[in-house]
């Protein structure tokens, strides 16, 4: 990967919005308001300057998702089969070499996320965030060819994001200086913080 490949126009951001939202107690956590704005829109705002293309992977391609100015992709499988299925459902829309994957429930993603991950991706297939306490499996930058390998992994009956990452040449990138940026909003009481 060269410096010419490092601009936002050469990055596709996939936002995973197809989770079951069981802990939140709602059908679709992406549209729950956090500080007056839906969680999903906090994430699209964070990615808008870091990724030239944004794809939202959700349960079904219908409003309010289809009212957004992004590529909206419904899950290929009707039953919830995990985030890797959400990622691979976007495969036909991936036209850049670098792919960023993030969940819809992290409203404080840092403005330097792609740049810092990109600095470490060179020589590796995946650069994944470590918040100083643990690896954040659903926040990573990967090569397009590596993302496409998900289909074979899932077809083999596997579903673990951590397991898929472990099958590749990956590097953990230290974000301990901004660990709060990777806090998930999972419970209703967290919306008030």
Protein backbone atom coordinates (compact mmCIF):
# COMPACT_ATOMS: atom_id res chain seq x y z
CA UNK A 1 0.00 0.00 0.00
CA UNK A 2 1.41 3.36 -0.99
CA UNK A 3 0.84 6.84 0.42
CA UNK A 4 -1.41 7.50 -2.57
CA UNK A 5 -3.76 4.82 -1.23
CA UNK A 6 -4.08 6.42 2.19
CA UNK A 7 -6.67 9.14 1.53
CA UNK A 8 -10.31 8.84 2.66
CA UNK A 9 -11.42 8.28 -0.94
CA UNK A 10 -9.59 4.95 -0.81
CA UNK A 11 -11.38 3.76 2.33
CA UNK A 12 -14.82 2.16 2.61
CA UNK A 13 -16.42 2.25 6.03
CA UNK A 14 -18.84 -0.54 6.90
CA UNK A 15 -21.14 0.23 9.82
CA UNK A 16 -22.73 -2.84 11.37
CA UNK A 17 -26.31 -2.05 12.35
CA UNK A 18 -27.82 -5.51 12.21
CA UNK A 19 -27.46 -6.62 15.83
CA UNK A 20 -30.32 -7.97 17.89
CA UNK A 21 -30.32 -5.11 20.45
CA UNK A 22 -31.41 -7.46 23.23
CA UNK A 23 -29.75 -5.54 26.07
CA UNK A 24 -31.14 -2.22 24.83
CA UNK A 25 -34.65 -3.68 24.75
CA UNK A 26 -35.47 -2.28 21.32
CA UNK A 27 -35.80 -3.73 17.86
CA UNK A 28 -33.11 -1.51 16.33
CA UNK A 29 -30.44 0.09 18.51
CA UNK A 30 -29.04 2.11 15.60
CA UNK A 31 -31.96 4.54 15.86
CA UNK A 32 -31.93 5.00 19.63
CA UNK A 33 -31.22 8.64 20.51
CA UNK A 34 -27.99 9.40 22.34
CA UNK A 35 -27.54 13.05 23.29
CA UNK A 36 -30.31 14.02 20.89
CA UNK A 37 -29.02 12.11 17.85
CA UNK A 38 -29.47 8.46 16.80
CA UNK A 39 -26.44 6.31 17.60
CA UNK A 40 -25.99 5.47 13.92
CA UNK A 41 -25.71 9.14 12.96
CA UNK A 42 -22.98 9.72 15.54
CA UNK A 43 -21.01 6.98 13.79
CA UNK A 44 -21.68 8.20 10.25
CA UNK A 45 -20.53 11.66 11.36
CA UNK A 46 -17.28 10.21 12.76
CA UNK A 47 -16.61 8.32 9.52
CA UNK A 48 -17.62 11.06 7.09
CA UNK A 49 -14.13 12.59 7.03
CA UNK A 50 -12.28 9.27 7.28
CA UNK A 51 -13.97 7.12 4.64
CA UNK A 52 -14.93 8.18 1.15
CA UNK A 53 -17.59 5.49 0.95
CA UNK A 54 -19.95 4.44 3.74
CA UNK A 55 -22.00 1.25 3.70
CA UNK A 56 -24.54 0.42 6.37
CA UNK A 57 -25.24 -3.26 6.92
CA UNK A 58 -28.64 -3.67 8.56
CA UNK A 59 -31.45 -6.20 8.99
CA UNK A 60 -33.59 -5.03 6.11
CA UNK A 61 -33.14 -2.44 3.40
CA UNK A 62 -36.06 -0.20 4.37
CA UNK A 63 -36.78 3.19 6.00
CA UNK A 64 -35.36 4.91 7.91
CA UNK A 65 -32.10 3.41 6.56
CA UNK A 66 -33.02 4.00 2.92
CA UNK A 67 -33.54 7.70 3.64
CA UNK A 68 -29.81 8.09 4.37
CA UNK A 69 -27.31 9.16 1.67
CA UNK A 70 -25.25 5.96 2.01
CA UNK A 71 -25.22 2.50 0.49
CA UNK A 72 -27.65 0.39 2.52
CA UNK A 73 -27.29 -3.39 2.45
CA UNK A 74 -29.72 -5.83 4.06
CA UNK A 75 -28.42 -9.03 5.61
CA UNK A 76 -28.13 -11.93 3.15
CA UNK A 77 -29.59 -14.32 5.71
CA UNK A 78 -33.00 -13.73 7.32
CA UNK A 79 -31.90 -15.17 10.68
CA UNK A 80 -29.34 -13.33 12.80
CA UNK A 81 -26.01 -15.08 12.18
CA UNK A 82 -23.59 -12.56 13.58
CA UNK A 83 -21.53 -9.57 12.48
CA UNK A 84 -19.36 -11.44 9.97
CA UNK A 85 -22.48 -12.17 7.90
CA UNK A 86 -23.26 -8.46 8.03
CA UNK A 87 -19.78 -7.62 6.76
CA UNK A 88 -19.75 -10.14 3.92
CA UNK A 89 -23.22 -9.06 2.76
CA UNK A 90 -21.54 -5.83 1.60
CA UNK A 91 -18.95 -7.61 -0.59
CA UNK A 92 -20.32 -6.56 -3.97
CA UNK A 93 -20.17 -2.89 -2.96
CA UNK A 94 -16.52 -2.87 -1.89
CA UNK A 95 -14.45 -0.97 -4.44
CA UNK A 96 -11.56 0.30 -2.30
CA UNK A 97 -8.48 -1.55 -1.09
CA UNK A 98 -8.94 -0.60 2.57
CA UNK A 99 -12.10 -1.46 4.49
CA UNK A 100 -12.93 -0.10 7.94
CA UNK A 101 -15.46 -2.03 10.04
CA UNK A 102 -17.19 -0.47 13.06
CA UNK A 103 -20.40 -1.13 15.02
CA UNK A 104 -23.29 1.35 15.12
CA UNK A 105 -23.19 1.73 18.90
CA UNK A 106 -19.84 3.52 19.40
CA UNK A 107 -20.78 7.21 19.23
CA UNK A 108 -17.35 8.56 20.22
CA UNK A 109 -15.08 7.05 17.56
CA UNK A 110 -11.88 9.13 17.22
CA UNK A 111 -11.17 11.35 14.24
CA UNK A 112 -7.77 9.69 13.74
CA UNK A 113 -9.10 6.10 13.72
CA UNK A 114 -8.39 5.31 10.06
CA UNK A 115 -5.04 7.12 10.00
CA UNK A 116 -3.69 5.32 13.05
CA UNK A 117 -4.94 1.92 11.92
CA UNK A 118 -3.63 2.59 8.41
CA UNK A 119 -0.13 3.34 9.71
CA UNK A 120 -0.01 -0.17 11.16
CA UNK A 121 -1.83 -2.02 8.37
CA UNK A 122 1.24 -1.91 6.12
CA UNK A 123 2.67 -5.42 6.00
CA UNK A 124 -0.44 -6.93 7.64
CA UNK A 125 -3.90 -8.04 6.54
CA UNK A 126 -5.83 -6.55 9.46
CA UNK A 127 -5.17 -3.73 11.94
CA UNK A 128 -7.49 -4.04 14.93
CA UNK A 129 -8.04 -1.62 17.82
CA UNK A 130 -6.79 -2.44 21.30
CA UNK A 131 -8.28 0.06 23.76
CA UNK A 132 -5.59 -0.61 26.36
CA UNK A 133 -7.67 -3.26 28.10
CA UNK A 134 -8.73 -5.56 25.31
CA UNK A 135 -8.91 -6.08 21.58
CA UNK A 136 -12.00 -4.47 20.06
CA UNK A 137 -12.88 -7.18 17.53
CA UNK A 138 -15.46 -5.08 15.72
CA UNK A 139 -13.22 -2.07 15.06
CA UNK A 140 -10.64 -2.87 12.43
CA UNK A 141 -9.14 -1.85 9.12
CA UNK A 142 -8.52 -4.66 6.64
CA UNK A 143 -7.53 -5.24 3.08
CA UNK A 144 -10.40 -5.92 0.68
CA UNK A 145 -9.07 -9.40 -0.17
CA UNK A 146 -9.02 -10.24 3.53
CA UNK A 147 -12.63 -9.11 3.97
CA UNK A 148 -13.65 -11.36 1.08
CA UNK A 149 -12.19 -14.34 2.94
CA UNK A 150 -15.06 -14.04 5.43
CA UNK A 151 -17.42 -15.86 3.08
CA UNK A 152 -15.39 -19.08 3.12
CA UNK A 153 -14.93 -18.82 6.90
CA UNK A 154 -18.69 -18.42 7.48
CA UNK A 155 -19.56 -21.16 4.99
CA UNK A 156 -17.36 -23.51 7.03
CA UNK A 157 -19.81 -23.03 9.91
CA UNK A 158 -17.74 -20.56 11.91
CA UNK A 159 -19.04 -17.21 13.16
CA UNK A 160 -16.49 -15.78 15.62
CA UNK A 161 -15.05 -12.41 14.63
CA UNK A 162 -12.07 -13.02 16.94
CA UNK A 163 -11.56 -16.45 15.37
CA UNK A 164 -11.60 -14.98 11.86
CA UNK A 165 -9.09 -12.28 12.84
CA UNK A 166 -6.84 -14.92 14.41
CA UNK A 167 -6.74 -16.76 11.05
CA UNK A 168 -4.94 -13.80 9.48
CA UNK A 169 -1.79 -11.75 9.81
CA UNK A 170 -3.11 -9.03 12.11
CA UNK A 171 -1.67 -6.32 14.31
CA UNK A 172 -3.26 -4.83 17.40
CA UNK A 173 -3.03 -1.03 17.44
CA UNK A 174 -2.78 0.76 20.77
CA UNK A 175 -5.57 3.28 21.37
CA UNK A 176 -5.16 3.36 25.15
CA UNK A 177 -4.76 7.15 24.98
CA UNK A 178 -8.43 7.40 23.92
CA UNK A 179 -9.94 4.19 25.25
CA UNK A 180 -13.27 5.87 26.09
CA UNK A 181 -13.82 6.38 22.35
CA UNK A 182 -14.59 2.65 22.04
CA UNK A 183 -17.27 2.43 24.70
CA UNK A 184 -20.39 0.68 23.41
CA UNK A 185 -23.83 1.95 24.31
CA UNK A 186 -25.56 -1.32 25.22
CA UNK A 187 -27.99 -0.50 28.01
CA UNK A 188 -30.75 2.13 28.33
CA UNK A 189 -29.06 3.76 31.37
CA UNK A 190 -25.92 4.40 29.27
CA UNK A 191 -27.91 6.74 27.03
CA UNK A 192 -28.02 9.25 29.91
CA UNK A 193 -24.24 9.45 30.42
